[in-house]
PDB file of N, CA and C in Angstrom:
ATOM      1  N   UNK A   1      -1.204   8.843  -8.191  1.00  0.00           N
ATOM      2  CA  UNK A   1      -1.157   7.242  -8.077  1.00  0.00           C
ATOM      3  C   UNK A   1      -3.003   6.708  -8.303  1.00  0.00           C
ATOM      4  N   UNK A   2      -2.353   5.659  -8.857  1.00  0.00           N
ATOM      5  CA  UNK A   2      -3.832   4.757  -9.708  1.00  0.00           C
ATOM      6  C   UNK A   2      -4.767   5.211  -7.900  1.00  0.00           C
ATOM      7  N   UNK A   3      -5.597   5.332  -8.555  1.00  0.00           N
ATOM      8  CA  UNK A   3      -7.493   4.806  -7.401  1.00  0.00           C
ATOM      9  C   UNK A   3      -6.804   3.851  -6.806  1.00  0.00           C
ATOM     10  N   UNK A   4      -6.694   2.639  -8.075  1.00  0.00           N
ATOM     11  CA  UNK A   4      -7.230   0.744  -7.436  1.00  0.00           C
ATOM     12  C   UNK A   4      -5.670   1.307  -6.529  1.00  0.00           C
ATOM     13  N   UNK A   5      -4.743   1.629  -6.349  1.00  0.00           N
ATOM     14  CA  UNK A   5      -3.579   1.220  -5.872  1.00  0.00           C
ATOM     15  C   UNK A   5      -3.750   1.973  -4.442  1.00  0.00           C
ATOM     16  N   UNK A   6      -4.278   3.176  -4.408  1.00  0.00           N
ATOM     17  CA  UNK A   6      -4.591   3.948  -3.330  1.00  0.00           C
ATOM     18  C   UNK A   6      -5.420   3.342  -2.560  1.00  0.00           C
ATOM     19  N   UNK A   7      -6.580   2.839  -2.899  1.00  0.00           N
ATOM     20  CA  UNK A   7      -6.995   2.226  -2.154  1.00  0.00           C
ATOM     21  C   UNK A   7      -6.469   1.028  -1.319  1.00  0.00           C
ATOM     22  N   UNK A   8      -6.463   0.588  -2.285  1.00  0.00           N
ATOM     23  CA  UNK A   8      -5.788  -1.161  -1.749  1.00  0.00           C
ATOM     24  C   UNK A   8      -4.453  -0.434  -0.761  1.00  0.00           C
ATOM     25  N   UNK A   9      -3.871  -0.096  -0.757  1.00  0.00           N
ATOM     26  CA  UNK A   9      -3.133   0.398   0.392  1.00  0.00           C
ATOM     27  C   UNK A   9      -3.192   1.448   1.448  1.00  0.00           C
ATOM     28  N   UNK A  10      -4.457   1.808   0.804  1.00  0.00           N
ATOM     29  CA  UNK A  10      -4.628   2.380   2.664  1.00  0.00           C
ATOM     30  C   UNK A  10      -5.587   1.234   3.204  1.00  0.00           C
ATOM     31  N   UNK A  11      -6.123   0.271   2.585  1.00  0.00           N
ATOM     32  CA  UNK A  11      -6.339  -1.188   3.339  1.00  0.00           C
ATOM     33  C   UNK A  11      -5.504  -1.698   3.757  1.00  0.00           C
ATOM     34  N   UNK A  12      -4.092  -1.861   3.457  1.00  0.00           N
ATOM     35  CA  UNK A  12      -3.597  -2.754   3.825  1.00  0.00           C
ATOM     36  C   UNK A  12      -2.875  -1.839   5.264  1.00  0.00           C
ATOM     37  N   UNK A  13      -2.643  -0.048   5.279  1.00  0.00           N
ATOM     38  CA  UNK A  13      -2.098   0.877   6.333  1.00  0.00           C
ATOM     39  C   UNK A  13      -3.177   0.568   7.304  1.00  0.00           C
ATOM     40  N   UNK A  14      -4.452   0.070   7.384  1.00  0.00           N
ATOM     41  CA  UNK A  14      -4.958  -0.396   8.709  1.00  0.00           C
ATOM     42  C   UNK A  14      -4.671  -1.595   8.811  1.00  0.00           C
ATOM     43  N   UNK A  15      -4.436  -2.839   8.038  1.00  0.00           N
ATOM     44  CA  UNK A  15      -3.996  -3.804   8.418  1.00  0.00           C
ATOM     45  C   UNK A  15      -3.139  -4.858   8.790  1.00  0.00           C
ATOM     46  N   UNK A  16      -1.918  -3.533   8.319  1.00  0.00           N
ATOM     47  CA  UNK A  16      -0.642  -4.063   8.714  1.00  0.00           C
ATOM     48  C   UNK A  16      -0.057  -3.534   9.568  1.00  0.00           C
ATOM     49  N   UNK A  17       0.931  -3.978  10.099  1.00  0.00           N
ATOM     50  CA  UNK A  17       1.727  -3.105  10.937  1.00  0.00           C
ATOM     51  C   UNK A  17       2.876  -2.471  10.255  1.00  0.00           C
ATOM     52  N   UNK A  18       2.997  -0.757  10.933  1.00  0.00           N
ATOM     53  CA  UNK A  18       3.903  -0.209   9.736  1.00  0.00           C
ATOM     54  C   UNK A  18       4.606   0.194  10.054  1.00  0.00           C
ATOM     55  N   UNK A  19       4.946  -0.438  11.550  1.00  0.00           N
ATOM     56  CA  UNK A  19       6.634  -0.027  11.537  1.00  0.00           C
ATOM     57  C   UNK A  19       7.329  -1.586  11.457  1.00  0.00           C
ATOM     58  N   UNK A  20       6.719  -2.345  11.851  1.00  0.00           N
ATOM     59  CA  UNK A  20       7.858  -3.282  11.161  1.00  0.00           C
ATOM     60  C   UNK A  20       6.805  -4.927  10.764  1.00  0.00           C
ATOM     61  N   UNK A  21       7.315  -5.231   9.612  1.00  0.00           N
ATOM     62  CA  UNK A  21       5.986  -6.368   9.290  1.00  0.00           C
ATOM     63  C   UNK A  21       6.217  -7.434   9.254  1.00  0.00           C
ATOM     64  N   UNK A  22       4.915  -8.284   9.985  1.00  0.00           N
ATOM     65  CA  UNK A  22       4.751  -9.958  10.454  1.00  0.00           C
ATOM     66  C   UNK A  22       4.918 -10.336   8.783  1.00  0.00           C
ATOM     67  N   UNK A  23       5.047 -11.565   8.781  1.00  0.00           N
ATOM     68  CA  UNK A  23       4.824 -12.134   7.491  1.00  0.00           C
ATOM     69  C   UNK A  23       3.413 -12.721   6.905  1.00  0.00           C
ATOM     70  N   UNK A  24       2.465 -12.309   7.562  1.00  0.00           N
ATOM     71  CA  UNK A  24       1.557 -12.278   6.894  1.00  0.00           C
ATOM     72  C   UNK A  24       1.080 -10.685   6.536  1.00  0.00           C
ATOM     73  N   UNK A  25       1.215  -9.897   6.843  1.00  0.00           N
ATOM     74  CA  UNK A  25       1.542  -9.154   6.625  1.00  0.00           C
ATOM     75  C   UNK A  25       2.487  -8.515   5.245  1.00  0.00           C
ATOM     76  N   UNK A  26       4.129  -9.146   4.827  1.00  0.00           N
ATOM     77  CA  UNK A  26       4.626  -9.338   4.185  1.00  0.00           C
ATOM     78  C   UNK A  26       3.707  -9.941   2.948  1.00  0.00           C
ATOM     79  N   UNK A  27       3.378 -11.110   3.643  1.00  0.00           N
ATOM     80  CA  UNK A  27       2.345 -11.504   2.041  1.00  0.00           C
ATOM     81  C   UNK A  27       1.311 -11.354   1.664  1.00  0.00           C
ATOM     82  N   UNK A  28       0.394 -10.274   2.631  1.00  0.00           N
ATOM     83  CA  UNK A  28      -0.446  -9.711   1.766  1.00  0.00           C
ATOM     84  C   UNK A  28      -0.105  -8.627   0.819  1.00  0.00           C
ATOM     85  N   UNK A  29       0.586  -7.899   1.548  1.00  0.00           N
ATOM     86  CA  UNK A  29       1.434  -6.494   0.599  1.00  0.00           C
ATOM     87  C   UNK A  29       1.902  -6.945  -0.750  1.00  0.00           C
ATOM     88  N   UNK A  30       3.058  -8.700  -1.020  1.00  0.00           N
ATOM     89  CA  UNK A  30       3.059  -9.294  -1.903  1.00  0.00           C
ATOM     90  C   UNK A  30       2.112  -9.436  -3.058  1.00  0.00           C
ATOM     91  N   UNK A  31       1.240 -10.351  -2.251  1.00  0.00           N
ATOM     92  CA  UNK A  31      -0.217 -11.078  -2.797  1.00  0.00           C
ATOM     93  C   UNK A  31      -0.762  -9.749  -3.531  1.00  0.00           C
ATOM     94  N   UNK A  32      -1.132  -8.051  -3.113  1.00  0.00           N
ATOM     95  CA  UNK A  32      -1.551  -7.455  -3.396  1.00  0.00           C
ATOM     96  C   UNK A  32      -1.120  -7.034  -4.617  1.00  0.00           C
ATOM     97  N   UNK A  33       0.365  -6.334  -4.563  1.00  0.00           N
ATOM     98  CA  UNK A  33       0.929  -5.933  -5.431  1.00  0.00           C
ATOM     99  C   UNK A  33       0.837  -6.958  -6.782  1.00  0.00           C
ATOM    100  N   UNK A  34       0.989  -8.309  -6.608  1.00  0.00           N
ATOM    101  CA  UNK A  34       0.964  -9.232  -7.946  1.00  0.00           C
ATOM    102  C   UNK A  34      -0.330  -9.209  -8.376  1.00  0.00           C
ATOM    103  N   UNK A  35      -1.436  -8.882  -7.416  1.00  0.00           N
ATOM    104  CA  UNK A  35      -2.826  -8.778  -8.336  1.00  0.00           C
ATOM    105  C   UNK A  35      -3.210  -7.819  -9.257  1.00  0.00           C
ATOM    106  N   UNK A  36      -2.068  -6.808  -8.411  1.00  0.00           N
ATOM    107  CA  UNK A  36      -2.654  -5.306  -8.879  1.00  0.00           C
ATOM    108  C   UNK A  36      -2.021  -5.543 -10.550  1.00  0.00           C
ATOM    109  N   UNK A  37      -0.704  -6.101 -10.198  1.00  0.00           N
ATOM    110  CA  UNK A  37       0.549  -5.807 -11.948  1.00  0.00           C
ATOM    111  C   UNK A  37      -0.947  -6.520 -12.496  1.00  0.00           C
ATOM    112  N   UNK A  38      -1.010  -7.804 -12.775  1.00  0.00           N
ATOM    113  CA  UNK A  38      -1.780  -8.804 -13.227  1.00  0.00           C
ATOM    114  C   UNK A  38      -3.353  -8.432 -13.978  1.00  0.00           C
ATOM    115  N   UNK A  39      -3.766  -7.481 -12.888  1.00  0.00           N
ATOM    116  CA  UNK A  39      -4.969  -6.788 -13.522  1.00  0.00           C
ATOM    117  C   UNK A  39      -4.408  -5.356 -14.196  1.00  0.00           C
ATOM    118  N   UNK A  40      -3.330  -5.071 -14.546  1.00  0.00           N
ATOM    119  CA  UNK A  40      -2.551  -3.967 -15.603  1.00  0.00           C
ATOM    120  C   UNK A  40      -3.417  -2.665 -14.630  1.00  0.00           C
ATOM    121  N   UNK A  41      -3.304  -2.825 -13.510  1.00  0.00           N
ATOM    122  CA  UNK A  41      -3.141  -1.521 -12.334  1.00  0.00           C
ATOM    123  C   UNK A  41      -1.843  -0.623 -12.533  1.00  0.00           C
ATOM    124  N   UNK A  42      -1.797   0.180 -12.848  1.00  0.00           N
ATOM    125  CA  UNK A  42      -0.408   0.834 -13.085  1.00  0.00           C
ATOM    126  C   UNK A  42      -0.104   1.257 -11.648  1.00  0.00           C
ATOM    127  N   UNK A  43       1.648   0.319 -11.134  1.00  0.00           N
ATOM    128  CA  UNK A  43       2.105   0.431 -10.125  1.00  0.00           C
ATOM    129  C   UNK A  43       3.218   1.675 -10.174  1.00  0.00           C
ATOM    130  N   UNK A  44       2.963   2.698  -9.674  1.00  0.00           N
ATOM    131  CA  UNK A  44       3.690   4.370 -10.072  1.00  0.00           C
ATOM    132  C   UNK A  44       4.717   4.009  -8.064  1.00  0.00           C
ATOM    133  N   UNK A  45       5.872   3.375  -8.570  1.00  0.00           N
ATOM    134  CA  UNK A  45       7.096   3.066  -7.519  1.00  0.00           C
ATOM    135  C   UNK A  45       7.029   4.323  -6.507  1.00  0.00           C
ATOM    136  N   UNK A  46       7.623   5.247  -7.213  1.00  0.00           N
ATOM    137  CA  UNK A  46       7.757   6.755  -6.777  1.00  0.00           C
ATOM    138  C   UNK A  46       6.555   7.374  -5.673  1.00  0.00           C
ATOM    139  N   UNK A  47       5.397   7.141  -6.572  1.00  0.00           N
ATOM    140  CA  UNK A  47       4.166   7.750  -5.899  1.00  0.00           C
ATOM    141  C   UNK A  47       3.646   6.632  -4.561  1.00  0.00           C
ATOM    142  N   UNK A  48       3.986   5.321  -5.263  1.00  0.00           N
ATOM    143  CA  UNK A  48       3.844   4.622  -4.071  1.00  0.00           C
ATOM    144  C   UNK A  48       4.369   4.739  -2.462  1.00  0.00           C
ATOM    145  N   UNK A  49       5.835   5.273  -2.779  1.00  0.00           N
ATOM    146  CA  UNK A  49       7.027   5.638  -2.000  1.00  0.00           C
ATOM    147  C   UNK A  49       6.217   6.755  -0.841  1.00  0.00           C
ATOM    148  N   UNK A  50       5.863   7.717  -2.145  1.00  0.00           N
ATOM    149  CA  UNK A  50       5.155   8.941  -0.924  1.00  0.00           C
ATOM    150  C   UNK A  50       4.231   9.153  -0.123  1.00  0.00           C
ATOM    151  N   UNK A  51       3.185   8.072  -1.066  1.00  0.00           N
ATOM    152  CA  UNK A  51       1.915   7.637  -0.304  1.00  0.00           C
ATOM    153  C   UNK A  51       2.183   7.131   1.074  1.00  0.00           C
ATOM    154  N   UNK A  52       3.111   6.016   0.924  1.00  0.00           N
ATOM    155  CA  UNK A  52       3.885   5.364   2.391  1.00  0.00           C
ATOM    156  C   UNK A  52       4.146   6.562   2.964  1.00  0.00           C
ATOM    157  N   UNK A  53       4.897   6.766   3.041  1.00  0.00           N
ATOM    158  CA  UNK A  53       5.867   7.702   4.041  1.00  0.00           C
ATOM    159  C   UNK A  53       4.602   8.900   4.777  1.00  0.00           C
ATOM    160  N   UNK A  54       3.875   9.188   3.788  1.00  0.00           N
ATOM    161  CA  UNK A  54       2.730  10.364   3.942  1.00  0.00           C
ATOM    162  C   UNK A  54       2.060   9.421   4.899  1.00  0.00           C
ATOM    163  N   UNK A  55       1.570   8.279   4.858  1.00  0.00           N
ATOM    164  CA  UNK A  55       0.255   7.522   6.057  1.00  0.00           C
ATOM    165  C   UNK A  55       1.454   6.582   7.318  1.00  0.00           C
ATOM    166  N   UNK A  56       2.528   7.440   7.499  1.00  0.00           N
ATOM    167  CA  UNK A  56       2.981   6.446   8.926  1.00  0.00           C
ATOM    168  C   UNK A  56       3.582   5.811   8.564  1.00  0.00           C
ATOM    169  N   UNK A  57       4.429   4.822   7.490  1.00  0.00           N
ATOM    170  CA  UNK A  57       4.811   3.651   7.233  1.00  0.00           C
ATOM    171  C   UNK A  57       6.625   3.958   7.671  1.00  0.00           C
ATOM    172  N   UNK A  58       7.284   3.056   8.293  1.00  0.00           N
ATOM    173  CA  UNK A  58       8.406   3.297   9.047  1.00  0.00           C
ATOM    174  C   UNK A  58       9.373   3.263   7.809  1.00  0.00           C
ATOM    175  N   UNK A  59      10.896   3.120   7.852  1.00  0.00           N
ATOM    176  CA  UNK A  59      11.957   3.553   6.723  1.00  0.00           C
ATOM    177  C   UNK A  59      11.541   1.872   6.251  1.00  0.00           C
ATOM    178  N   UNK A  60      11.994   0.829   6.787  1.00  0.00           N
ATOM    179  CA  UNK A  60      12.428  -0.461   6.475  1.00  0.00           C
ATOM    180  C   UNK A  60      11.546  -1.280   6.093  1.00  0.00           C
ATOM    181  N   UNK A  61      10.105  -1.005   6.792  1.00  0.00           N
ATOM    182  CA  UNK A  61       9.037  -1.130   5.635  1.00  0.00           C
ATOM    183  C   UNK A  61       8.881  -1.137   3.929  1.00  0.00           C
ATOM    184  N   UNK A  62       8.392   0.167   4.329  1.00  0.00           N
ATOM    185  CA  UNK A  62       8.888   1.418   2.962  1.00  0.00           C
ATOM    186  C   UNK A  62       9.709   0.251   2.085  1.00  0.00           C
ATOM    187  N   UNK A  63      11.367   0.433   2.295  1.00  0.00           N
ATOM    188  CA  UNK A  63      12.418   0.253   1.726  1.00  0.00           C
ATOM    189  C   UNK A  63      11.858  -1.532   1.251  1.00  0.00           C
ATOM    190  N   UNK A  64      11.268  -2.407   1.702  1.00  0.00           N
ATOM    191  CA  UNK A  64      11.086  -3.566   1.406  1.00  0.00           C
ATOM    192  C   UNK A  64       9.676  -3.637   0.370  1.00  0.00           C
ATOM    193  N   UNK A  65       8.655  -2.519   1.049  1.00  0.00           N
ATOM    194  CA  UNK A  65       7.408  -2.615   0.098  1.00  0.00           C
ATOM    195  C   UNK A  65       7.811  -1.749  -1.777  1.00  0.00           C
ATOM    196  N   UNK A  66       9.138  -0.942  -1.393  1.00  0.00           N
ATOM    197  CA  UNK A  66       9.480  -0.705  -3.055  1.00  0.00           C
ATOM    198  C   UNK A  66       9.994  -1.771  -3.691  1.00  0.00           C
ATOM    199  N   UNK A  67      11.137  -2.125  -2.782  1.00  0.00           N
ATOM    200  CA  UNK A  67      11.969  -3.273  -3.724  1.00  0.00           C
ATOM    201  C   UNK A  67      10.843  -4.503  -4.121  1.00  0.00           C
ATOM    202  N   UNK A  68       9.596  -4.952  -3.511  1.00  0.00           N
ATOM    203  CA  UNK A  68       8.717  -5.491  -4.085  1.00  0.00           C
ATOM    204  C   UNK A  68       7.766  -4.982  -5.336  1.00  0.00           C
ATOM    205  N   UNK A  69       7.496  -4.094  -5.094  1.00  0.00           N
ATOM    206  CA  UNK A  69       6.603  -3.482  -5.975  1.00  0.00           C
ATOM    207  C   UNK A  69       7.470  -3.652  -7.330  1.00  0.00           C
ATOM    208  N   UNK A  70       8.889  -2.463  -7.136  1.00  0.00           N
ATOM    209  CA  UNK A  70      10.168  -2.641  -8.343  1.00  0.00           C
ATOM    210  C   UNK A  70       9.951  -4.054  -9.266  1.00  0.00           C
ATOM    211  N   UNK A  71      10.253  -4.868  -8.868  1.00  0.00           N
ATOM    212  CA  UNK A  71      10.017  -5.947  -8.820  1.00  0.00           C
ATOM    213  C   UNK A  71       9.017  -6.541  -9.608  1.00  0.00           C
ATOM    214  N   UNK A  72       7.760  -6.533  -9.044  1.00  0.00           N
ATOM    215  CA  UNK A  72       6.330  -7.233  -9.681  1.00  0.00           C
ATOM    216  C   UNK A  72       6.612  -6.393 -10.995  1.00  0.00           C
ATOM    217  N   UNK A  73       6.573  -5.045 -10.917  1.00  0.00           N
ATOM    218  CA  UNK A  73       6.524  -3.998 -12.015  1.00  0.00           C
ATOM    219  C   UNK A  73       7.376  -4.686 -12.983  1.00  0.00           C
ATOM    220  N   UNK A  74       8.690  -5.506 -12.736  1.00  0.00           N
ATOM    221  CA  UNK A  74       9.896  -5.511 -13.845  1.00  0.00           C
ATOM    222  C   UNK A  74       9.759  -6.923 -14.507  1.00  0.00           C
ATOM    223  N   UNK A  75       8.645  -7.070 -13.805  1.00  0.00           N
ATOM    224  CA  UNK A  75       8.324  -8.741 -14.185  1.00  0.00           C
ATOM    225  C   UNK A  75       8.583  -9.784 -13.516  1.00  0.00           C
ATOM    226  N   UNK A  76       9.480  -9.417 -12.097  1.00  0.00           N
ATOM    227  CA  UNK A  76       9.872 -10.454 -11.357  1.00  0.00           C
ATOM    228  C   UNK A  76       9.027 -11.305 -10.320  1.00  0.00           C
ATOM    229  N   UNK A  77       9.381 -11.544  -9.220  1.00  0.00           N
ATOM    230  CA  UNK A  77       9.127 -12.706  -8.611  1.00  0.00           C
ATOM    231  C   UNK A  77       8.877 -12.345  -7.092  1.00  0.00           C
ATOM    232  N   UNK A  78       7.523 -12.499  -6.425  1.00  0.00           N
ATOM    233  CA  UNK A  78       8.353 -11.856  -5.193  1.00  0.00           C
ATOM    234  C   UNK A  78       7.382 -13.727  -4.313  1.00  0.00           C
ATOM    235  N   UNK A  79       8.275 -13.801  -3.847  1.00  0.00           N
ATOM    236  CA  UNK A  79       8.039 -15.010  -3.036  1.00  0.00           C
ATOM    237  C   UNK A  79       6.939 -14.880  -1.383  1.00  0.00           C
ATOM    238  N   UNK A  80       5.794 -15.820  -1.694  1.00  0.00           N
ATOM    239  CA  UNK A  80       4.657 -15.803  -0.740  1.00  0.00           C
ATOM    240  C   UNK A  80       4.993 -17.054   0.346  1.00  0.00           C
ATOM    241  N   UNK A  81       4.851 -16.985   1.584  1.00  0.00           N
ATOM    242  CA  UNK A  81       4.393 -17.678   1.948  1.00  0.00           C
ATOM    243  C   UNK A  81       6.061 -18.757   2.589  1.00  0.00           C
ATOM    244  N   UNK A  82       7.027 -18.087   2.307  1.00  0.00           N
ATOM    245  CA  UNK A  82       8.396 -18.504   2.653  1.00  0.00           C
ATOM    246  C   UNK A  82       8.939 -18.232   4.427  1.00  0.00           C
ATOM    247  N   UNK A  83       8.247 -17.691   4.941  1.00  0.00           N
ATOM    248  CA  UNK A  83       8.753 -17.294   6.416  1.00  0.00           C
ATOM    249  C   UNK A  83       8.052 -17.801   7.080  1.00  0.00           C
TER     250      UNK A  83
END
């Protein structure tokens, strides 16, 4: 996994609820993914999923993060602040 991506998600692992994401957690993650992508930081979705599992994230938040990361990597949009 890219070092910058790993640092970003280590930080998010400390600040976000890894069991059930709060809307502000979701927004923080989505913005992080968008900023990483906009700055040409490689987002390896499989490595990210493994990292999340290894760092105690629960199944549903992982599913959401993988979905958002995939969308961002494919040039899609993720909405922020809709909750």
